[in-house]
Amino acid sequence: MSVSVIEQAKIQAQVLVPLVKALQAELGEARANAIVRKALGELYRGFGEAFWKARNESDLGKAVGSAFATYARDDALSYDVIEQTRDAFAFDVKRCAYAEFYKALGEPELGFLMVCTADFATADGFGPDIKLTRTQTIMQGADHCDFRYRRIADVSKGRAGE
């Protein structure tokens, strides 16, 4: 039996929260957060690449829907699918156990840094033609997270909402 992503996040937080706080105290918040974002970004981009290659699915809605189900396992997320097509997967997260956990720790900013920013790095790993847009998160106080994955024809347009 594999450990769910929410349980992994809780276990990792036991080490990462004190480590990031120590880095912030030593280096300043902006520099420490940039280092954490870069290190985790590389890790999650690799996860995205490995998932996309292993999945070998050209249907974006099916592929991203499958990936997202992994993060939602064990009642970690409650969400509504807005659109699921060959070139899009859009959904709104209505309840987030990741945000609940980090808020209970009193560290929603670190939750955003270590959990929410990973979404964009993972999407980067899906390929240059996949764009994730998200304008708000529960972790940052919104009533829902608005995820919009789209296949774009012009890959020079880049990412939005990071």
C-alpha atoms as a PDB file:
ATOM      1  CA  MET A   1       0.000   0.000   0.000  1.00  0.00           C
ATOM      2  CA  SER A   2       1.480   3.313  -1.030  1.00  0.00           C
ATOM      3  CA  VAL A   3       1.413   6.440   1.106  1.00  0.00           C
ATOM      4  CA  SER A   4      -0.991   9.097  -0.200  1.00  0.00           C
ATOM      5  CA  VAL A   5       0.337  12.475  -1.293  1.00  0.00           C
ATOM      6  CA  ILE A   6      -1.401  14.249   1.613  1.00  0.00           C
ATOM      7  CA  GLU A   7       0.289  11.904   4.093  1.00  0.00           C
ATOM      8  CA  GLN A   8       3.629  12.427   2.327  1.00  0.00           C
ATOM      9  CA  ALA A   9       3.146  16.202   2.617  1.00  0.00           C
ATOM     10  CA  LYS A  10       2.457  15.911   6.351  1.00  0.00           C
ATOM     11  CA  ILE A  11       5.525  13.744   6.910  1.00  0.00           C
ATOM     12  CA  GLN A  12       7.758  16.028   4.827  1.00  0.00           C
ATOM     13  CA  ALA A  13       6.495  19.093   6.701  1.00  0.00           C
ATOM     14  CA  GLN A  14       7.986  17.739   9.922  1.00  0.00           C
ATOM     15  CA  VAL A  15      11.444  18.283   8.427  1.00  0.00           C
ATOM     16  CA  LEU A  16      10.851  20.975   5.807  1.00  0.00           C
ATOM     17  CA  VAL A  17       8.996  23.537   7.925  1.00  0.00           C
ATOM     18  CA  PRO A  18      11.783  23.896  10.522  1.00  0.00           C
ATOM     19  CA  LEU A  19      14.423  23.763   7.775  1.00  0.00           C
ATOM     20  CA  VAL A  20      12.781  26.506   5.687  1.00  0.00           C
ATOM     21  CA  LYS A  21      12.203  28.649   8.783  1.00  0.00           C
ATOM     22  CA  ALA A  22      15.889  28.287   9.702  1.00  0.00           C
ATOM     23  CA  LEU A  23      16.906  29.233   6.148  1.00  0.00           C
ATOM     24  CA  GLN A  24      14.598  32.252   6.265  1.00  0.00           C
ATOM     25  CA  ALA A  25      16.120  33.379   9.574  1.00  0.00           C
ATOM     26  CA  GLU A  26      19.644  32.964   8.248  1.00  0.00           C
ATOM     27  CA  LEU A  27      19.288  34.193   4.660  1.00  0.00           C
ATOM     28  CA  GLY A  28      16.171  36.345   4.737  1.00  0.00           C
ATOM     29  CA  GLU A  29      12.736  35.250   3.593  1.00  0.00           C
ATOM     30  CA  ALA A  30      13.058  36.251  -0.073  1.00  0.00           C
ATOM     31  CA  ARG A  31      16.394  34.514  -0.651  1.00  0.00           C
ATOM     32  CA  ALA A  32      15.451  31.398   1.324  1.00  0.00           C
ATOM     33  CA  ASN A  33      12.109  31.093  -0.471  1.00  0.00           C
ATOM     34  CA  ALA A  34      13.825  31.466  -3.855  1.00  0.00           C
ATOM     35  CA  ILE A  35      16.211  28.631  -2.991  1.00  0.00           C
ATOM     36  CA  VAL A  36      13.368  26.392  -1.795  1.00  0.00           C
ATOM     37  CA  ARG A  37      11.254  27.240  -4.856  1.00  0.00           C
ATOM     38  CA  LYS A  38      14.167  26.408  -7.197  1.00  0.00           C
ATOM     39  CA  ALA A  39      15.067  23.139  -5.466  1.00  0.00           C
ATOM     40  CA  LEU A  40      11.483  21.920  -5.221  1.00  0.00           C
ATOM     41  CA  GLY A  41      10.719  23.197  -8.710  1.00  0.00           C
ATOM     42  CA  GLU A  42      13.412  21.003 -10.218  1.00  0.00           C
ATOM     43  CA  LEU A  43      12.144  18.016  -8.243  1.00  0.00           C
ATOM     44  CA  TYR A  44       8.486  18.504  -9.216  1.00  0.00           C
ATOM     45  CA  ARG A  45       9.307  19.279 -12.849  1.00  0.00           C
ATOM     46  CA  GLY A  46      11.040  15.896 -12.930  1.00  0.00           C
ATOM     47  CA  PHE A  47       7.941  14.262 -11.424  1.00  0.00           C
ATOM     48  CA  GLY A  48       5.817  15.900 -14.137  1.00  0.00           C
ATOM     49  CA  GLU A  49       8.147  14.702 -16.885  1.00  0.00           C
ATOM     50  CA  ALA A  50       8.218  11.141 -15.530  1.00  0.00           C
ATOM     51  CA  PHE A  51       4.433  11.053 -15.142  1.00  0.00           C
ATOM     52  CA  TRP A  52       3.818  12.384 -18.648  1.00  0.00           C
ATOM     53  CA  LYS A  53       6.272   9.934 -20.198  1.00  0.00           C
ATOM     54  CA  ALA A  54       4.891   6.951 -18.248  1.00  0.00           C
ATOM     55  CA  ARG A  55       1.278   7.931 -18.916  1.00  0.00           C
ATOM     56  CA  ASN A  56       1.893   8.229 -22.666  1.00  0.00           C
ATOM     57  CA  GLU A  57      -1.510   9.897 -23.118  1.00  0.00           C
ATOM     58  CA  SER A  58      -2.197  12.579 -25.734  1.00  0.00           C
ATOM     59  CA  ASP A  59      -5.580  13.467 -24.199  1.00  0.00           C
ATOM     60  CA  LEU A  60      -4.774  16.305 -21.772  1.00  0.00           C
ATOM     61  CA  GLY A  61      -8.056  15.980 -19.880  1.00  0.00           C
ATOM     62  CA  LYS A  62      -7.520  12.280 -19.204  1.00  0.00           C
ATOM     63  CA  ALA A  63      -3.839  12.654 -18.318  1.00  0.00           C
ATOM     64  CA  VAL A  64      -4.141  15.634 -15.966  1.00  0.00           C
ATOM     65  CA  GLY A  65      -7.362  14.255 -14.502  1.00  0.00           C
ATOM     66  CA  SER A  66      -5.504  11.069 -13.631  1.00  0.00           C
ATOM     67  CA  ALA A  67      -2.567  12.975 -12.102  1.00  0.00           C
ATOM     68  CA  PHE A  68      -4.904  15.153 -10.083  1.00  0.00           C
ATOM     69  CA  ALA A  69      -6.759  12.130  -8.702  1.00  0.00           C
ATOM     70  CA  THR A  70      -3.461  11.084  -7.094  1.00  0.00           C
ATOM     71  CA  TYR A  71      -3.261  14.377  -5.172  1.00  0.00           C
ATOM     72  CA  ALA A  72      -6.939  14.114  -4.176  1.00  0.00           C
ATOM     73  CA  ARG A  73      -6.601  10.581  -2.749  1.00  0.00           C
ATOM     74  CA  ASP A  74      -7.653   9.954   0.871  1.00  0.00           C
ATOM     75  CA  ASP A  75     -10.168  12.804   0.769  1.00  0.00           C
ATOM     76  CA  ALA A  76      -7.340  15.349   0.455  1.00  0.00           C
ATOM     77  CA  LEU A  77      -9.309  17.513  -1.988  1.00  0.00           C
ATOM     78  CA  SER A  78     -12.902  18.165  -2.897  1.00  0.00           C
ATOM     79  CA  TYR A  79     -13.294  19.608  -6.388  1.00  0.00           C
ATOM     80  CA  ASP A  80     -15.616  20.293  -9.275  1.00  0.00           C
ATOM     81  CA  VAL A  81     -14.515  19.566 -12.834  1.00  0.00           C
ATOM     82  CA  ILE A  82     -15.412  22.534 -15.039  1.00  0.00           C
ATOM     83  CA  GLU A  83     -14.064  21.205 -18.347  1.00  0.00           C
ATOM     84  CA  GLN A  84     -12.376  17.977 -19.418  1.00  0.00           C
ATOM     85  CA  THR A  85     -11.432  17.640 -23.084  1.00  0.00           C
ATOM     86  CA  ARG A  86      -8.579  16.455 -25.236  1.00  0.00           C
ATOM     87  CA  ASP A  87      -6.928  19.901 -24.900  1.00  0.00           C
ATOM     88  CA  ALA A  88      -8.113  21.103 -21.480  1.00  0.00           C
ATOM     89  CA  PHE A  89      -8.675  20.152 -17.881  1.00  0.00           C
ATOM     90  CA  ALA A  90     -10.229  22.841 -15.693  1.00  0.00           C
ATOM     91  CA  PHE A  91     -11.406  22.394 -12.125  1.00  0.00           C
ATOM     92  CA  ASP A  92     -12.100  24.281  -8.916  1.00  0.00           C
ATOM     93  CA  VAL A  93     -10.868  22.908  -5.606  1.00  0.00           C
ATOM     94  CA  LYS A  94     -13.529  23.581  -2.974  1.00  0.00           C
ATOM     95  CA  ARG A  95     -11.819  21.975   0.035  1.00  0.00           C
ATOM     96  CA  CYS A  96      -8.105  21.359   0.528  1.00  0.00           C
ATOM     97  CA  ALA A  97      -6.660  19.213   3.311  1.00  0.00           C
ATOM     98  CA  TYR A  98      -3.186  20.525   2.422  1.00  0.00           C
ATOM     99  CA  ALA A  99      -4.335  24.081   3.249  1.00  0.00           C
ATOM    100  CA  GLU A 100      -6.149  22.879   6.366  1.00  0.00           C
ATOM    101  CA  PHE A 101      -2.975  21.160   7.557  1.00  0.00           C
ATOM    102  CA  TYR A 102      -0.677  24.154   6.984  1.00  0.00           C
ATOM    103  CA  LYS A 103      -3.220  26.569   8.485  1.00  0.00           C
ATOM    104  CA  ALA A 104      -3.422  24.350  11.591  1.00  0.00           C
ATOM    105  CA  LEU A 105       0.379  24.589  11.815  1.00  0.00           C
ATOM    106  CA  GLY A 106       0.062  28.364  11.545  1.00  0.00           C
ATOM    107  CA  GLU A 107       2.185  28.278   8.382  1.00  0.00           C
ATOM    108  CA  PRO A 108      -0.059  28.854   5.330  1.00  0.00           C
ATOM    109  CA  GLU A 109       2.710  30.853   3.603  1.00  0.00           C
ATOM    110  CA  LEU A 110       5.048  27.869   3.851  1.00  0.00           C
ATOM    111  CA  GLY A 111       2.233  25.626   2.643  1.00  0.00           C
ATOM    112  CA  PHE A 112       1.874  27.814  -0.436  1.00  0.00           C
ATOM    113  CA  LEU A 113       5.647  27.757  -0.987  1.00  0.00           C
ATOM    114  CA  MET A 114       6.044  24.004  -0.586  1.00  0.00           C
ATOM    115  CA  VAL A 115       2.736  22.663  -1.934  1.00  0.00           C
ATOM    116  CA  CYS A 116       0.989  25.145  -4.202  1.00  0.00           C
ATOM    117  CA  THR A 117       3.993  26.361  -6.187  1.00  0.00           C
ATOM    118  CA  ALA A 118       4.763  22.737  -7.061  1.00  0.00           C
ATOM    119  CA  ASP A 119       1.699  22.730  -9.327  1.00  0.00           C
ATOM    120  CA  PHE A 120       3.408  24.995 -11.868  1.00  0.00           C
ATOM    121  CA  ALA A 121       6.687  23.067 -11.813  1.00  0.00           C
ATOM    122  CA  THR A 122       4.820  19.794 -12.327  1.00  0.00           C
ATOM    123  CA  ALA A 123       2.886  21.342 -15.228  1.00  0.00           C
ATOM    124  CA  ASP A 124       6.199  22.482 -16.734  1.00  0.00           C
ATOM    125  CA  GLY A 125       7.223  18.826 -16.745  1.00  0.00           C
ATOM    126  CA  PHE A 126       4.175  17.945 -18.836  1.00  0.00           C
ATOM    127  CA  GLY A 127       5.744  19.799 -21.779  1.00  0.00           C
ATOM    128  CA  PRO A 128       6.042  23.251 -23.304  1.00  0.00           C
ATOM    129  CA  ASP A 129       2.610  23.036 -24.924  1.00  0.00           C
ATOM    130  CA  ILE A 130       0.777  22.605 -21.595  1.00  0.00           C
ATOM    131  CA  LYS A 131      -0.113  25.805 -19.738  1.00  0.00           C
ATOM    132  CA  LEU A 132      -1.444  26.035 -16.188  1.00  0.00           C
ATOM    133  CA  THR A 133      -3.257  29.165 -15.081  1.00  0.00           C
ATOM    134  CA  ARG A 134      -4.372  29.623 -11.499  1.00  0.00           C
ATOM    135  CA  THR A 135      -5.403  32.980 -10.041  1.00  0.00           C
ATOM    136  CA  GLN A 136      -6.157  32.047  -6.440  1.00  0.00           C
ATOM    137  CA  THR A 137      -5.689  29.361  -3.795  1.00  0.00           C
ATOM    138  CA  ILE A 138      -7.396  28.294  -0.609  1.00  0.00           C
ATOM    139  CA  MET A 139      -3.927  28.272   0.981  1.00  0.00           C
ATOM    140  CA  GLN A 140      -3.772  32.043   0.405  1.00  0.00           C
ATOM    141  CA  GLY A 141      -7.268  32.654   1.775  1.00  0.00           C
ATOM    142  CA  ALA A 142      -9.517  32.309  -1.298  1.00  0.00           C
ATOM    143  CA  ASP A 143     -12.691  30.243  -1.094  1.00  0.00           C
ATOM    144  CA  HIS A 144     -11.436  27.945  -3.880  1.00  0.00           C
ATOM    145  CA  CYS A 145      -8.455  27.223  -6.128  1.00  0.00           C
ATOM    146  CA  ASP A 146      -9.055  27.684  -9.862  1.00  0.00           C
ATOM    147  CA  PHE A 147      -6.883  25.334 -11.903  1.00  0.00           C
ATOM    148  CA  ARG A 148      -6.965  25.696 -15.696  1.00  0.00           C
ATOM    149  CA  TYR A 149      -4.725  23.403 -17.745  1.00  0.00           C
ATOM    150  CA  ARG A 150      -4.718  24.018 -21.502  1.00  0.00           C
ATOM    151  CA  ARG A 151      -2.778  22.829 -24.480  1.00  0.00           C
ATOM    152  CA  ILE A 152      -1.494  25.907 -26.295  1.00  0.00           C
ATOM    153  CA  ALA A 153      -0.602  26.106 -29.959  1.00  0.00           C
ATOM    154  CA  ASP A 154       1.983  28.851 -29.501  1.00  0.00           C
ATOM    155  CA  VAL A 155       4.414  27.606 -26.827  1.00  0.00           C
ATOM    156  CA  SER A 156       6.134  31.030 -26.735  1.00  0.00           C
ATOM    157  CA  LYS A 157       3.171  32.311 -24.652  1.00  0.00           C
ATOM    158  CA  GLY A 158       4.607  30.730 -21.479  1.00  0.00           C
ATOM    159  CA  ARG A 159       2.968  30.279 -18.080  1.00  0.00           C
ATOM    160  CA  ALA A 160       0.506  32.528 -16.291  1.00  0.00           C
ATOM    161  CA  GLY A 161      -0.642  32.889 -12.702  1.00  0.00           C
ATOM    162  CA  GLU A 162       2.503  31.727 -10.924  1.00  0.00           C
END
